[in-house]
Amino acid sequence: MSQKTLSSKKYRVNFDSSKYDILIGKDLLTSNLVEILSEKTKNRKILLVFDSFFKDKVSKNLAASLSKEGYDVYFYAMESGKHNKTISEAIKIYELLEISGFSRDSTIIALGGGVIGDLAGFVASTYHRGINLAHIPTTLTAMIDSSIGGKVAINFRKTINAIGNYYHPIVNIVDLDFIESLSQRDFKAGLAEIIKCSFICDKDFFSYLKANSAQILKRQEEVLFYIMCRTIEIKLEHVAGDVKEQAKRLKLNYGHTLGHAIEISTDTLQEVYRHGEGVSLGMVAAAHLAKQYLGSDETVLAAHEEILRQYGLPIRVETEKISFNRDDLIKDCVLNINKDKKKKDNKLRFVLPKEIGSCQVYDDIDEDFINKTFDYIIK
């Protein structure tokens, strides 16, 4: 990555009664966190829920800095896989909070990717009806998507985010130093959420992503900083005034209804698709569905497949490579999509593109169109 010093940026978030800052830049962590904690609470008890990948790195350094400032730091290390976002994992954290004497003005710090942030956020939102939460996202997906907007949740059985809440942190620190720790696969999975934002509302941003893919895939800092900031801005624009997802915020689910069905249906003991990869597949599926249902131009679907291929993201489910029976997988996808939590009046809601940079929500789509879409995407 380039060694040029980046400026940092602050977004002041004002959702309902929640006001907090999102800070994005490099070398932000310790000084900003201590300053904000001292402003928000006098309670010195902190539980650091973190990805075990960082056990010998950031967590120890962060804990040492917090301890030096007089904080009483407790630890809960966990694996980051989506199979760990469960009620049983939440109960373990509740038990630690209880035996350690945490109260309503204590703080949970979530240091990790989307799984860590969702789980720790869910626990923070429910323990004593809500204790302080601070986000330190470490994956690209978490930095620009899952840690923003207040959604916290756990999975239940085979439903993603089935049990959840809306709960905002006291601060969200997006430190770009963590980007260097990501595998290329995880980095690309995060890019899917960035590409998604260009599809739903910003054609110029889409053009920028197409023109700058080489620099982005090399993680060039200045370009990466720009696309992350633009994505955060788009997310905040869609969440403002619609925190509980009744209207405009629904568009941020582009690719998720169909993508979640694929993720769940391929869910085995080994993770087949990262969340962003599922979203990539879901966006292609949504573009195909739009072609059938809306009569959108062929070029819309082609543009989806071209840019996602350009970034090394999946555009088809290749059943032979993942050892699934094609017919069985299609049946499972149809079954699982009907469990989608965003249903209204027992109707599935889909975000579909009429053109690049413009999407709308539709809720009266014939099941035959959905079946044909899964037939298209699953090979």
Protein backbone atom coordinates (compact mmCIF):
# COMPACT_ATOMS: atom_id res chain seq x y z
CA MET A 1 0.00 0.00 0.00
CA SER A 2 1.10 3.58 -0.61
CA GLN A 3 2.97 5.20 2.24
CA LYS A 4 1.51 8.68 1.61
CA THR A 5 -0.10 10.07 4.74
CA LEU A 6 -3.88 10.11 4.53
CA SER A 7 -6.10 12.68 6.12
CA SER A 8 -8.84 11.39 8.39
CA LYS A 9 -12.53 12.15 8.11
CA LYS A 10 -15.33 12.42 10.66
CA TYR A 11 -19.02 11.78 10.01
CA ARG A 12 -21.41 13.08 12.65
CA VAL A 13 -24.33 10.65 12.85
CA ASN A 14 -27.72 11.72 14.20
CA PHE A 15 -30.22 8.84 14.14
CA ASP A 16 -33.34 9.28 16.27
CA SER A 17 -31.98 9.98 19.75
CA SER A 18 -28.51 8.57 18.97
CA LYS A 19 -25.63 10.88 18.18
CA TYR A 20 -22.13 9.57 17.56
CA ASP A 21 -19.12 9.90 15.28
CA ILE A 22 -17.75 7.64 12.58
CA LEU A 23 -14.02 8.29 12.28
CA ILE A 24 -12.15 6.99 9.23
CA GLY A 25 -8.40 7.17 8.60
CA LYS A 26 -5.13 5.63 9.74
CA ASP A 27 -3.61 5.39 13.24
CA LEU A 28 -6.89 6.41 14.85
CA LEU A 29 -7.38 3.74 17.41
CA THR A 30 -6.06 4.29 20.92
CA SER A 31 -6.11 8.06 21.42
CA ASN A 32 -9.57 8.55 19.88
CA LEU A 33 -11.11 5.64 21.77
CA VAL A 34 -9.84 6.74 25.18
CA GLU A 35 -10.98 10.32 24.57
CA ILE A 36 -14.49 9.27 23.54
CA LEU A 37 -14.88 6.75 26.36
CA SER A 38 -13.94 9.42 28.90
CA GLU A 39 -16.58 11.74 27.41
CA LYS A 40 -19.38 9.15 27.29
CA THR A 41 -19.08 7.30 30.61
CA LYS A 42 -17.40 7.43 33.99
CA ASN A 43 -17.64 3.65 34.34
CA ARG A 44 -14.23 2.03 33.86
CA LYS A 45 -15.38 -1.51 33.06
CA ILE A 46 -14.82 -2.61 29.46
CA LEU A 47 -15.41 -5.93 27.74
CA LEU A 48 -13.34 -6.33 24.60
CA VAL A 49 -15.10 -8.83 22.31
CA PHE A 50 -12.60 -9.52 19.58
CA ASP A 51 -11.66 -11.75 16.68
CA SER A 52 -9.14 -14.30 17.98
CA PHE A 53 -7.02 -13.54 14.89
CA PHE A 54 -5.93 -10.35 16.70
CA LYS A 55 -5.20 -12.01 20.05
CA ASP A 56 -1.44 -11.40 19.94
CA LYS A 57 -1.64 -8.10 18.09
CA VAL A 58 -4.10 -5.28 18.43
CA SER A 59 -6.14 -6.56 21.35
CA LYS A 60 -3.12 -6.75 23.66
CA ASN A 61 -1.85 -3.34 22.57
CA LEU A 62 -5.30 -1.80 22.89
CA ALA A 63 -5.89 -3.43 26.26
CA ALA A 64 -2.53 -2.18 27.54
CA SER A 65 -3.37 1.37 26.47
CA LEU A 66 -6.80 1.22 28.10
CA SER A 67 -5.39 -0.28 31.30
CA LYS A 68 -2.79 2.48 31.43
CA GLU A 69 -5.65 4.99 31.41
CA GLY A 70 -7.28 3.24 34.36
CA TYR A 71 -9.80 1.02 32.58
CA ASP A 72 -10.63 -2.43 33.90
CA VAL A 73 -10.50 -4.56 30.73
CA TYR A 74 -12.08 -7.99 30.30
CA PHE A 75 -11.69 -10.20 27.24
CA TYR A 76 -13.85 -12.42 25.09
CA ALA A 77 -12.05 -13.91 22.08
CA MET A 78 -14.00 -15.77 19.40
CA GLU A 79 -13.70 -17.10 15.87
CA SER A 80 -15.13 -14.83 13.20
CA GLY A 81 -17.09 -17.39 11.12
CA LYS A 82 -20.81 -16.81 10.61
CA HIS A 83 -21.56 -20.13 12.36
CA ASN A 84 -20.60 -18.42 15.63
CA LYS A 85 -23.27 -15.71 15.43
CA THR A 86 -25.61 -17.69 17.67
CA ILE A 87 -27.67 -17.46 20.83
CA SER A 88 -25.31 -19.89 22.58
CA GLU A 89 -22.36 -17.57 21.89
CA ALA A 90 -24.39 -14.60 23.14
CA ILE A 91 -25.21 -16.46 26.37
CA LYS A 92 -21.50 -16.99 27.04
CA ILE A 93 -20.95 -13.23 26.81
CA TYR A 94 -23.97 -12.51 29.03
CA GLU A 95 -22.51 -14.86 31.64
CA LEU A 96 -19.15 -13.10 31.53
CA LEU A 97 -20.83 -9.70 31.92
CA GLU A 98 -22.86 -10.94 34.88
CA ILE A 99 -20.06 -12.57 36.85
CA SER A 100 -17.78 -9.59 36.16
CA GLY A 101 -20.27 -7.07 37.53
CA PHE A 102 -20.97 -5.06 34.38
CA SER A 103 -23.68 -2.41 34.71
CA ARG A 104 -25.71 -0.30 32.29
CA ASP A 105 -23.00 2.38 31.98
CA SER A 106 -20.23 -0.15 31.25
CA THR A 107 -18.95 -0.62 27.69
CA ILE A 108 -18.56 -3.43 25.17
CA ILE A 109 -15.97 -2.86 22.44
CA ALA A 110 -16.51 -4.97 19.31
CA LEU A 111 -13.21 -5.48 17.50
CA GLY A 112 -13.59 -7.63 14.41
CA GLY A 113 -15.66 -8.17 11.29
CA GLY A 114 -19.40 -8.27 10.79
CA VAL A 115 -19.98 -11.39 12.89
CA ILE A 116 -18.20 -9.88 15.90
CA GLY A 117 -19.93 -6.52 15.50
CA ASP A 118 -23.39 -8.04 15.07
CA LEU A 119 -23.04 -10.42 18.01
CA ALA A 120 -21.39 -7.98 20.43
CA GLY A 121 -23.86 -5.30 19.36
CA PHE A 122 -26.81 -7.61 19.98
CA VAL A 123 -25.50 -8.43 23.46
CA ALA A 124 -24.89 -4.74 24.22
CA SER A 125 -28.41 -3.85 23.07
CA THR A 126 -30.07 -6.41 25.33
CA TYR A 127 -27.94 -6.68 28.48
CA HIS A 128 -29.58 -4.47 31.14
CA ARG A 129 -31.74 -3.17 28.23
CA GLY A 130 -28.67 -1.60 26.67
CA ILE A 131 -25.08 -0.83 27.65
CA ASN A 132 -22.48 1.24 25.81
CA LEU A 133 -21.15 -0.15 22.54
CA ALA A 134 -18.07 0.91 20.57
CA HIS A 135 -17.34 -0.46 17.10
CA ILE A 136 -13.83 -1.09 15.81
CA PRO A 137 -14.49 -2.89 12.51
CA THR A 138 -11.55 -4.81 11.05
CA THR A 139 -12.92 -6.06 7.71
CA LEU A 140 -13.85 -3.96 4.71
CA THR A 141 -17.44 -5.26 4.84
CA ALA A 142 -17.80 -4.22 8.47
CA MET A 143 -16.10 -0.85 7.94
CA ILE A 144 -18.42 0.35 5.19
CA ASP A 145 -21.58 -1.63 5.86
CA SER A 146 -22.43 -3.81 8.84
CA SER A 147 -21.09 -1.50 11.59
CA ILE A 148 -23.10 1.45 10.24
CA GLY A 149 -26.82 1.95 10.69
CA GLY A 150 -27.51 0.23 14.00
CA LYS A 151 -28.49 -3.26 12.88
CA VAL A 152 -27.37 -5.90 15.38
CA ALA A 153 -28.44 -9.53 15.25
CA ILE A 154 -27.77 -13.22 15.65
CA ASN A 155 -28.70 -16.08 13.34
CA PHE A 156 -31.28 -18.65 14.39
CA ARG A 157 -31.38 -22.12 12.88
CA LYS A 158 -31.16 -21.46 9.14
CA THR A 159 -32.31 -17.85 9.13
CA ILE A 160 -29.70 -15.10 8.86
CA ASN A 161 -30.15 -12.27 11.40
CA ALA A 162 -33.44 -13.79 12.61
CA ILE A 163 -33.17 -12.32 16.12
CA GLY A 164 -32.05 -8.72 16.21
CA ASN A 165 -32.40 -5.13 17.19
CA TYR A 166 -31.53 -1.58 16.16
CA TYR A 167 -28.84 -0.21 18.44
CA HIS A 168 -26.25 2.49 17.84
CA PRO A 169 -22.72 2.73 19.24
CA ILE A 170 -21.11 5.61 21.09
CA VAL A 171 -18.40 5.65 18.42
CA ASN A 172 -17.33 3.80 15.28
CA ILE A 173 -13.58 3.91 14.57
CA VAL A 174 -12.70 2.81 11.03
CA ASP A 175 -8.92 2.40 11.11
CA LEU A 176 -7.52 1.61 7.66
CA ASP A 177 -4.50 -0.13 9.19
CA PHE A 178 -6.69 -3.23 9.52
CA ILE A 179 -7.12 -3.45 5.73
CA GLU A 180 -3.58 -4.81 5.47
CA SER A 181 -4.55 -7.88 7.53
CA LEU A 182 -7.27 -9.00 5.09
CA SER A 183 -6.84 -11.87 2.68
CA GLN A 184 -7.51 -10.94 -0.94
CA ARG A 185 -10.68 -13.03 -0.84
CA ASP A 186 -12.05 -11.16 2.19
CA PHE A 187 -11.02 -7.84 0.69
CA LYS A 188 -12.87 -8.59 -2.55
CA ALA A 189 -15.94 -9.72 -0.60
CA GLY A 190 -16.04 -6.28 1.02
CA LEU A 191 -15.80 -4.61 -2.38
CA ALA A 192 -19.11 -6.25 -3.32
CA GLU A 193 -20.93 -4.01 -0.82
CA ILE A 194 -19.18 -0.96 -2.30
CA ILE A 195 -20.19 -1.94 -5.84
CA LYS A 196 -23.73 -2.49 -4.53
CA CYS A 197 -23.95 1.14 -3.43
CA SER A 198 -23.01 2.33 -6.91
CA PHE A 199 -25.74 0.16 -8.42
CA ILE A 200 -28.50 1.50 -6.21
CA CYS A 201 -27.98 5.25 -6.52
CA ASP A 202 -24.77 6.55 -8.12
CA LYS A 203 -23.95 5.90 -11.77
CA ASP A 204 -20.87 8.15 -11.62
CA PHE A 205 -19.52 6.11 -8.71
CA PHE A 206 -20.12 2.95 -10.75
CA SER A 207 -18.04 4.46 -13.59
CA TYR A 208 -15.29 5.36 -11.12
CA LEU A 209 -15.18 1.80 -9.78
CA LYS A 210 -14.94 0.42 -13.31
CA ALA A 211 -12.14 2.79 -14.27
CA ASN A 212 -10.05 2.32 -11.11
CA SER A 213 -10.29 -1.43 -10.43
CA ALA A 214 -6.53 -2.01 -10.78
CA GLN A 215 -5.64 0.56 -8.10
CA ILE A 216 -8.46 -0.60 -5.84
CA LEU A 217 -7.47 -4.28 -6.04
CA LYS A 218 -3.90 -3.23 -5.17
CA ARG A 219 -5.36 -1.43 -2.11
CA GLN A 220 -3.95 1.95 -3.12
CA GLU A 221 -4.70 4.06 -0.07
CA GLU A 222 -5.95 7.29 -1.63
CA VAL A 223 -8.37 5.49 -3.96
CA LEU A 224 -9.49 3.11 -1.23
CA PHE A 225 -10.09 5.98 1.18
CA TYR A 226 -12.28 7.72 -1.41
CA ILE A 227 -14.46 4.70 -2.25
CA MET A 228 -14.90 3.83 1.42
CA CYS A 229 -15.95 7.38 2.29
CA ARG A 230 -18.36 7.52 -0.64
CA THR A 231 -19.92 4.21 0.41
CA ILE A 232 -20.30 5.36 4.02
CA GLU A 233 -21.98 8.54 2.76
CA ILE A 234 -24.42 6.54 0.62
CA LYS A 235 -25.26 4.28 3.55
CA LEU A 236 -25.84 7.23 5.89
CA GLU A 237 -28.04 8.96 3.27
CA HIS A 238 -30.26 5.88 3.04
CA VAL A 239 -30.47 5.21 6.79
CA ALA A 240 -31.20 8.83 7.80
CA GLY A 241 -34.90 9.13 8.61
CA ASP A 242 -35.47 5.41 8.03
CA VAL A 243 -33.45 3.59 10.68
CA LYS A 244 -36.01 0.78 11.00
CA GLU A 245 -36.07 0.07 7.27
CA GLN A 246 -39.56 1.02 6.18
CA ALA A 247 -38.73 2.87 2.96
CA LYS A 248 -35.46 4.24 1.55
CA ARG A 249 -33.18 2.04 3.65
CA LEU A 250 -34.68 -1.05 2.01
CA LYS A 251 -32.64 -0.26 -1.10
CA LEU A 252 -29.47 -1.13 0.82
CA ASN A 253 -30.73 -4.73 0.75
CA TYR A 254 -29.97 -4.88 -2.97
CA GLY A 255 -28.68 -8.38 -3.72
CA HIS A 256 -29.40 -9.58 -0.20
CA THR A 257 -32.76 -11.33 -0.55
CA LEU A 258 -31.57 -13.66 -3.31
CA GLY A 259 -28.00 -13.69 -1.99
CA HIS A 260 -29.04 -14.74 1.52
CA ALA A 261 -31.03 -17.64 0.07
CA ILE A 262 -27.89 -18.84 -1.71
CA GLU A 263 -25.74 -18.34 1.41
CA ILE A 264 -28.15 -20.31 3.61
CA SER A 265 -28.69 -23.08 1.08
CA THR A 266 -24.95 -23.67 0.71
CA ASP A 267 -24.36 -23.38 4.46
CA THR A 268 -22.39 -26.41 5.59
CA LEU A 269 -19.81 -26.93 8.32
CA GLN A 270 -17.39 -25.17 5.98
CA GLU A 271 -18.28 -21.68 4.74
CA VAL A 272 -18.83 -21.87 0.98
CA TYR A 273 -19.52 -18.18 0.33
CA ARG A 274 -18.47 -15.09 2.22
CA HIS A 275 -21.33 -12.66 2.77
CA GLY A 276 -20.03 -10.31 0.08
CA GLU A 277 -19.77 -13.19 -2.37
CA GLY A 278 -23.39 -14.05 -1.64
CA VAL A 279 -24.32 -10.41 -2.28
CA SER A 280 -22.42 -10.52 -5.59
CA LEU A 281 -24.43 -13.55 -6.69
CA GLY A 282 -27.60 -11.93 -5.36
CA MET A 283 -27.02 -8.76 -7.40
CA VAL A 284 -26.60 -10.74 -10.62
CA ALA A 285 -29.77 -12.63 -9.72
CA ALA A 286 -31.62 -9.36 -9.02
CA ALA A 287 -30.50 -7.92 -12.36
CA HIS A 288 -31.75 -11.07 -14.09
CA LEU A 289 -35.06 -10.85 -12.21
CA ALA A 290 -35.37 -7.20 -13.26
CA LYS A 291 -34.85 -8.18 -16.88
CA GLN A 292 -37.79 -10.60 -16.63
CA TYR A 293 -40.13 -8.59 -14.41
CA LEU A 294 -39.38 -4.99 -15.41
CA GLY A 295 -38.11 -5.57 -18.91
CA SER A 296 -34.91 -3.74 -18.00
CA ASP A 297 -32.34 -3.44 -20.75
CA GLU A 298 -30.01 -6.39 -21.40
CA THR A 299 -27.08 -4.05 -20.77
CA VAL A 300 -27.99 -3.73 -17.07
CA LEU A 301 -27.43 -7.44 -16.44
CA ALA A 302 -24.32 -7.38 -18.63
CA ALA A 303 -22.90 -4.43 -16.66
CA HIS A 304 -23.41 -6.30 -13.40
CA GLU A 305 -21.61 -9.38 -14.62
CA GLU A 306 -18.78 -7.38 -16.18
CA ILE A 307 -17.83 -5.31 -13.13
CA LEU A 308 -18.21 -8.18 -10.66
CA ARG A 309 -16.04 -10.38 -12.88
CA GLN A 310 -13.56 -7.49 -13.10
CA TYR A 311 -13.23 -7.56 -9.29
CA GLY A 312 -12.93 -11.35 -9.11
CA LEU A 313 -16.35 -11.84 -7.53
CA PRO A 314 -18.65 -14.78 -8.33
CA ILE A 315 -21.44 -14.33 -10.87
CA ARG A 316 -22.63 -17.96 -10.96
CA VAL A 317 -23.03 -20.74 -8.39
CA GLU A 318 -20.88 -23.52 -9.85
CA THR A 319 -22.35 -26.60 -8.20
CA GLU A 320 -19.64 -28.98 -9.37
CA LYS A 321 -16.94 -26.90 -7.68
CA ILE A 322 -18.84 -26.73 -4.38
CA SER A 323 -20.09 -30.35 -4.50
CA PHE A 324 -23.83 -29.65 -4.51
CA ASN A 325 -26.58 -31.25 -6.57
CA ARG A 326 -27.93 -28.51 -8.82
CA ASP A 327 -31.63 -29.45 -8.68
CA ASP A 328 -31.55 -29.89 -4.91
CA LEU A 329 -29.80 -26.55 -4.45
CA ILE A 330 -32.38 -24.70 -6.55
CA LYS A 331 -35.18 -26.25 -4.46
CA ASP A 332 -33.41 -25.24 -1.24
CA CYS A 333 -32.94 -21.67 -2.49
CA VAL A 334 -36.65 -21.36 -3.32
CA LEU A 335 -37.53 -22.77 0.11
CA ASN A 336 -35.14 -20.48 1.98
CA ILE A 337 -36.04 -17.30 0.13
CA ASN A 338 -39.60 -17.69 1.41
CA LYS A 339 -38.25 -17.40 4.98
CA ASP A 340 -36.84 -13.95 4.26
CA LYS A 341 -37.43 -11.62 7.21
CA LYS A 342 -38.12 -8.59 5.00
CA LYS A 343 -41.48 -10.00 3.87
CA LYS A 344 -44.47 -7.68 4.16
CA ASP A 345 -48.07 -8.93 4.09
CA ASN A 346 -46.58 -12.34 3.36
CA LYS A 347 -45.04 -11.02 0.14
CA LEU A 348 -41.35 -11.10 -0.67
CA ARG A 349 -39.80 -7.70 -1.31
CA PHE A 350 -37.07 -7.35 -3.91
CA VAL A 351 -34.83 -4.41 -4.72
CA LEU A 352 -34.52 -4.39 -8.52
CA PRO A 353 -32.59 -2.15 -10.94
CA LYS A 354 -34.26 -0.44 -13.87
CA GLU A 355 -30.87 0.98 -14.83
CA ILE A 356 -27.41 1.40 -13.29
CA GLY A 357 -27.65 3.87 -10.40
CA SER A 358 -31.40 3.49 -9.86
CA CYS A 359 -33.30 0.81 -7.92
CA GLN A 360 -36.81 0.41 -6.55
CA VAL A 361 -38.54 -2.02 -4.18
CA TYR A 362 -41.11 -4.45 -5.64
CA ASP A 363 -43.32 -6.92 -3.79
CA ASP A 364 -45.55 -8.65 -6.32
CA ILE A 365 -43.22 -10.89 -8.29
CA ASP A 366 -44.46 -14.18 -9.67
CA GLU A 367 -42.73 -17.25 -8.23
CA ASP A 368 -42.03 -18.48 -11.74
CA PHE A 369 -39.72 -15.49 -12.30
CA ILE A 370 -37.86 -16.35 -9.10
CA ASN A 371 -37.46 -19.99 -10.14
CA LYS A 372 -36.11 -18.91 -13.54
CA THR A 373 -33.63 -16.60 -11.84
CA PHE A 374 -32.23 -19.38 -9.65
CA ASP A 375 -32.07 -21.56 -12.76
CA TYR A 376 -29.98 -18.82 -14.41
CA ILE A 377 -27.59 -18.22 -11.53
CA ILE A 378 -27.05 -21.85 -10.42
CA LYS A 379 -25.06 -23.96 -12.88
